[in-house]
Amino acid sequence: MKLWKYLLIAILIFSALIQLVYGSVLMIFPDKINTTINFGDLISNESVQMLIFIYGKVFISFALLSVLTAVLVIKDSPFGMIFTLGWVIGMSFGGVLSFIKTGNISYIFADLARALIIFVILILYYFMYYRKNKILFR
């Protein structure tokens, strides 16, 4: 069923959009991070603002890599599945580390829920579409 392939592509692109929006918010409004980490006065601390700006660029780079992973899945490349699994592992660690650092439970739920959804769809894609099509075309 191609449904699982298209669902995996859609969830990867949706994840890329989340990363793109969050990275843009960090780059345009670096003082918004103050609500979660409590750095104090970010307007006067230029080095912390630059660090947050760089994190924004990193999130935008991750968004572009997510789109590249979606393209690999479109092409039915096994690297698309490997990179998607890498995203799942990275999101899981990112959520746990963000929770440990900030104590905010919303980070762990957001990242782990997104990683779990992507992982389940990846498993369904592999068993319901990819594996069946590779056997047919041998």
C-alpha atoms as a PDB file:
ATOM      1  CA  MET A   1       0.000   0.000   0.000  1.00  0.00           C
ATOM      2  CA  LYS A   2       1.400   3.330  -1.056  1.00  0.00           C
ATOM      3  CA  LEU A   3      -0.544   4.965   1.779  1.00  0.00           C
ATOM      4  CA  TRP A   4       2.290   4.266   4.231  1.00  0.00           C
ATOM      5  CA  LYS A   5       4.877   5.710   1.867  1.00  0.00           C
ATOM      6  CA  TYR A   6       2.897   8.920   1.401  1.00  0.00           C
ATOM      7  CA  LEU A   7       2.124   9.125   5.108  1.00  0.00           C
ATOM      8  CA  LEU A   8       5.829   8.792   5.953  1.00  0.00           C
ATOM      9  CA  ILE A   9       6.686  11.502   3.415  1.00  0.00           C
ATOM     10  CA  ALA A  10       3.973  13.770   4.811  1.00  0.00           C
ATOM     11  CA  ILE A  11       5.114  13.312   8.416  1.00  0.00           C
ATOM     12  CA  LEU A  12       8.745  14.001   7.455  1.00  0.00           C
ATOM     13  CA  ILE A  13       7.739  17.199   5.675  1.00  0.00           C
ATOM     14  CA  PHE A  14       5.516  18.204   8.610  1.00  0.00           C
ATOM     15  CA  SER A  15       8.448  17.599  10.955  1.00  0.00           C
ATOM     16  CA  ALA A  16      10.624  19.732   8.675  1.00  0.00           C
ATOM     17  CA  LEU A  17       8.048  22.524   8.863  1.00  0.00           C
ATOM     18  CA  ILE A  18       8.077  22.368  12.670  1.00  0.00           C
ATOM     19  CA  GLN A  19      11.872  22.621  12.663  1.00  0.00           C
ATOM     20  CA  LEU A  20      11.787  25.447  10.127  1.00  0.00           C
ATOM     21  CA  VAL A  21       9.296  27.474  12.147  1.00  0.00           C
ATOM     22  CA  TYR A  22      11.138  26.904  15.422  1.00  0.00           C
ATOM     23  CA  GLY A  23      14.486  27.796  13.836  1.00  0.00           C
ATOM     24  CA  SER A  24      12.997  30.946  12.325  1.00  0.00           C
ATOM     25  CA  VAL A  25      11.523  31.967  15.690  1.00  0.00           C
ATOM     26  CA  LEU A  26      14.919  31.485  17.325  1.00  0.00           C
ATOM     27  CA  MET A  27      16.608  33.596  14.650  1.00  0.00           C
ATOM     28  CA  ILE A  28      14.031  36.405  14.507  1.00  0.00           C
ATOM     29  CA  PHE A  29      12.967  36.543  18.177  1.00  0.00           C
ATOM     30  CA  PRO A  30      15.858  35.208  20.287  1.00  0.00           C
ATOM     31  CA  ASP A  31      14.337  36.745  23.418  1.00  0.00           C
ATOM     32  CA  LYS A  32      11.408  34.275  23.225  1.00  0.00           C
ATOM     33  CA  ILE A  33      13.692  31.507  24.502  1.00  0.00           C
ATOM     34  CA  ASN A  34      13.752  33.400  27.823  1.00  0.00           C
ATOM     35  CA  THR A  35      10.404  31.881  28.781  1.00  0.00           C
ATOM     36  CA  THR A  36      11.775  28.332  28.900  1.00  0.00           C
ATOM     37  CA  ILE A  37      15.370  28.636  30.064  1.00  0.00           C
ATOM     38  CA  ASN A  38      15.239  31.796  32.248  1.00  0.00           C
ATOM     39  CA  PHE A  39      18.509  33.349  31.142  1.00  0.00           C
ATOM     40  CA  GLY A  40      17.474  36.703  32.512  1.00  0.00           C
ATOM     41  CA  ASP A  41      17.836  39.836  30.415  1.00  0.00           C
ATOM     42  CA  LEU A  42      18.610  38.622  26.889  1.00  0.00           C
ATOM     43  CA  ILE A  43      18.410  42.064  25.329  1.00  0.00           C
ATOM     44  CA  SER A  44      21.691  43.091  26.960  1.00  0.00           C
ATOM     45  CA  ASN A  45      23.456  39.727  26.652  1.00  0.00           C
ATOM     46  CA  GLU A  46      24.682  39.723  23.065  1.00  0.00           C
ATOM     47  CA  SER A  47      26.682  36.491  23.253  1.00  0.00           C
ATOM     48  CA  VAL A  48      23.621  34.491  24.394  1.00  0.00           C
ATOM     49  CA  GLN A  49      21.567  36.075  21.605  1.00  0.00           C
ATOM     50  CA  MET A  50      24.192  34.993  19.057  1.00  0.00           C
ATOM     51  CA  LEU A  51      24.159  31.454  20.474  1.00  0.00           C
ATOM     52  CA  ILE A  52      20.359  31.302  20.147  1.00  0.00           C
ATOM     53  CA  PHE A  53      20.651  32.674  16.594  1.00  0.00           C
ATOM     54  CA  ILE A  54      23.102  29.883  15.744  1.00  0.00           C
ATOM     55  CA  TYR A  55      20.705  27.308  17.218  1.00  0.00           C
ATOM     56  CA  GLY A  56      18.056  28.755  14.920  1.00  0.00           C
ATOM     57  CA  LYS A  57      20.339  28.128  11.947  1.00  0.00           C
ATOM     58  CA  VAL A  58      20.936  24.575  13.149  1.00  0.00           C
ATOM     59  CA  PHE A  59      17.183  23.914  13.300  1.00  0.00           C
ATOM     60  CA  ILE A  60      16.754  25.282   9.777  1.00  0.00           C
ATOM     61  CA  SER A  61      19.568  22.975   8.613  1.00  0.00           C
ATOM     62  CA  PHE A  62      17.779  20.060  10.272  1.00  0.00           C
ATOM     63  CA  ALA A  63      14.620  21.038   8.402  1.00  0.00           C
ATOM     64  CA  LEU A  64      16.471  20.890   5.091  1.00  0.00           C
ATOM     65  CA  LEU A  65      17.917  17.495   6.023  1.00  0.00           C
ATOM     66  CA  SER A  66      14.403  16.263   6.839  1.00  0.00           C
ATOM     67  CA  VAL A  67      13.285  17.318   3.369  1.00  0.00           C
ATOM     68  CA  LEU A  68      16.272  15.459   1.889  1.00  0.00           C
ATOM     69  CA  THR A  69      15.236  12.373   3.859  1.00  0.00           C
ATOM     70  CA  ALA A  70      11.704  12.707   2.456  1.00  0.00           C
ATOM     71  CA  VAL A  71      13.159  12.837  -1.067  1.00  0.00           C
ATOM     72  CA  LEU A  72      15.099   9.631  -0.374  1.00  0.00           C
ATOM     73  CA  VAL A  73      11.887   7.970   0.791  1.00  0.00           C
ATOM     74  CA  ILE A  74      10.140   9.171  -2.387  1.00  0.00           C
ATOM     75  CA  LYS A  75      12.892   7.453  -4.417  1.00  0.00           C
ATOM     76  CA  ASP A  76      12.448   4.241  -2.342  1.00  0.00           C
ATOM     77  CA  SER A  77      16.067   4.406  -1.234  1.00  0.00           C
ATOM     78  CA  PRO A  78      17.078   2.288   1.759  1.00  0.00           C
ATOM     79  CA  PHE A  79      19.046   5.320   2.953  1.00  0.00           C
ATOM     80  CA  GLY A  80      15.723   7.115   3.424  1.00  0.00           C
ATOM     81  CA  MET A  81      14.722   4.532   6.019  1.00  0.00           C
ATOM     82  CA  ILE A  82      18.131   4.638   7.699  1.00  0.00           C
ATOM     83  CA  PHE A  83      18.091   8.435   7.922  1.00  0.00           C
ATOM     84  CA  THR A  84      14.512   8.382   9.189  1.00  0.00           C
ATOM     85  CA  LEU A  85      15.557   5.975  11.924  1.00  0.00           C
ATOM     86  CA  GLY A  86      18.401   8.374  12.717  1.00  0.00           C
ATOM     87  CA  TRP A  87      15.865  11.200  13.033  1.00  0.00           C
ATOM     88  CA  VAL A  88      13.781   9.112  15.414  1.00  0.00           C
ATOM     89  CA  ILE A  89      16.783   8.373  17.626  1.00  0.00           C
ATOM     90  CA  GLY A  90      17.927  12.007  17.510  1.00  0.00           C
ATOM     91  CA  MET A  91      14.476  13.341  18.410  1.00  0.00           C
ATOM     92  CA  SER A  92      14.224  10.893  21.310  1.00  0.00           C
ATOM     93  CA  PHE A  93      17.587  11.936  22.742  1.00  0.00           C
ATOM     94  CA  GLY A  94      16.821  15.598  22.089  1.00  0.00           C
ATOM     95  CA  GLY A  95      13.539  15.403  23.966  1.00  0.00           C
ATOM     96  CA  VAL A  96      15.052  13.631  26.941  1.00  0.00           C
ATOM     97  CA  LEU A  97      18.051  15.977  27.132  1.00  0.00           C
ATOM     98  CA  SER A  98      15.837  19.063  26.795  1.00  0.00           C
ATOM     99  CA  PHE A  99      13.674  17.779  29.634  1.00  0.00           C
ATOM    100  CA  ILE A 100      16.701  17.090  31.817  1.00  0.00           C
ATOM    101  CA  LYS A 101      18.153  20.542  31.135  1.00  0.00           C
ATOM    102  CA  THR A 102      14.972  22.612  31.510  1.00  0.00           C
ATOM    103  CA  GLY A 103      12.680  20.449  33.618  1.00  0.00           C
ATOM    104  CA  ASN A 104       9.833  21.317  31.221  1.00  0.00           C
ATOM    105  CA  ILE A 105       7.794  18.182  30.521  1.00  0.00           C
ATOM    106  CA  SER A 106       6.414  19.591  27.257  1.00  0.00           C
ATOM    107  CA  TYR A 107       9.778  19.028  25.534  1.00  0.00           C
ATOM    108  CA  ILE A 108       9.809  15.332  26.289  1.00  0.00           C
ATOM    109  CA  PHE A 109       6.209  14.892  25.169  1.00  0.00           C
ATOM    110  CA  ALA A 110       6.635  16.892  21.972  1.00  0.00           C
ATOM    111  CA  ASP A 111       9.831  15.216  20.791  1.00  0.00           C
ATOM    112  CA  LEU A 112       9.047  11.699  21.985  1.00  0.00           C
ATOM    113  CA  ALA A 113       5.518  11.799  20.568  1.00  0.00           C
ATOM    114  CA  ARG A 114       6.798  13.001  17.191  1.00  0.00           C
ATOM    115  CA  ALA A 115       9.571  10.385  17.222  1.00  0.00           C
ATOM    116  CA  LEU A 116       7.123   7.612  18.152  1.00  0.00           C
ATOM    117  CA  ILE A 117       4.695   8.584  15.380  1.00  0.00           C
ATOM    118  CA  ILE A 118       7.493   8.677  12.796  1.00  0.00           C
ATOM    119  CA  PHE A 119       8.873   5.347  14.036  1.00  0.00           C
ATOM    120  CA  VAL A 120       5.490   3.606  13.828  1.00  0.00           C
ATOM    121  CA  ILE A 121       4.890   4.929  10.320  1.00  0.00           C
ATOM    122  CA  LEU A 122       8.423   3.904   9.319  1.00  0.00           C
ATOM    123  CA  ILE A 123       7.803   0.346  10.532  1.00  0.00           C
ATOM    124  CA  LEU A 124       4.471   0.213   8.688  1.00  0.00           C
ATOM    125  CA  TYR A 125       6.120   1.633   5.560  1.00  0.00           C
ATOM    126  CA  TYR A 126       8.838  -1.001   5.672  1.00  0.00           C
ATOM    127  CA  PHE A 127       6.601  -4.009   6.237  1.00  0.00           C
ATOM    128  CA  MET A 128       3.518  -2.931   4.297  1.00  0.00           C
ATOM    129  CA  TYR A 129       5.122  -1.270   1.266  1.00  0.00           C
ATOM    130  CA  TYR A 130       8.911  -1.341   0.888  1.00  0.00           C
ATOM    131  CA  ARG A 131       9.548  -5.001   1.628  1.00  0.00           C
ATOM    132  CA  LYS A 132       6.672  -6.200  -0.542  1.00  0.00           C
ATOM    133  CA  ASN A 133       7.751  -4.065  -3.508  1.00  0.00           C
ATOM    134  CA  LYS A 134      11.403  -5.125  -3.289  1.00  0.00           C
ATOM    135  CA  ILE A 135      10.370  -8.791  -3.343  1.00  0.00           C
ATOM    136  CA  LEU A 136       8.102  -8.215  -6.362  1.00  0.00           C
ATOM    137  CA  PHE A 137      10.792  -6.530  -8.446  1.00  0.00           C
ATOM    138  CA  ARG A 138      13.571  -9.078  -7.952  1.00  0.00           C
END
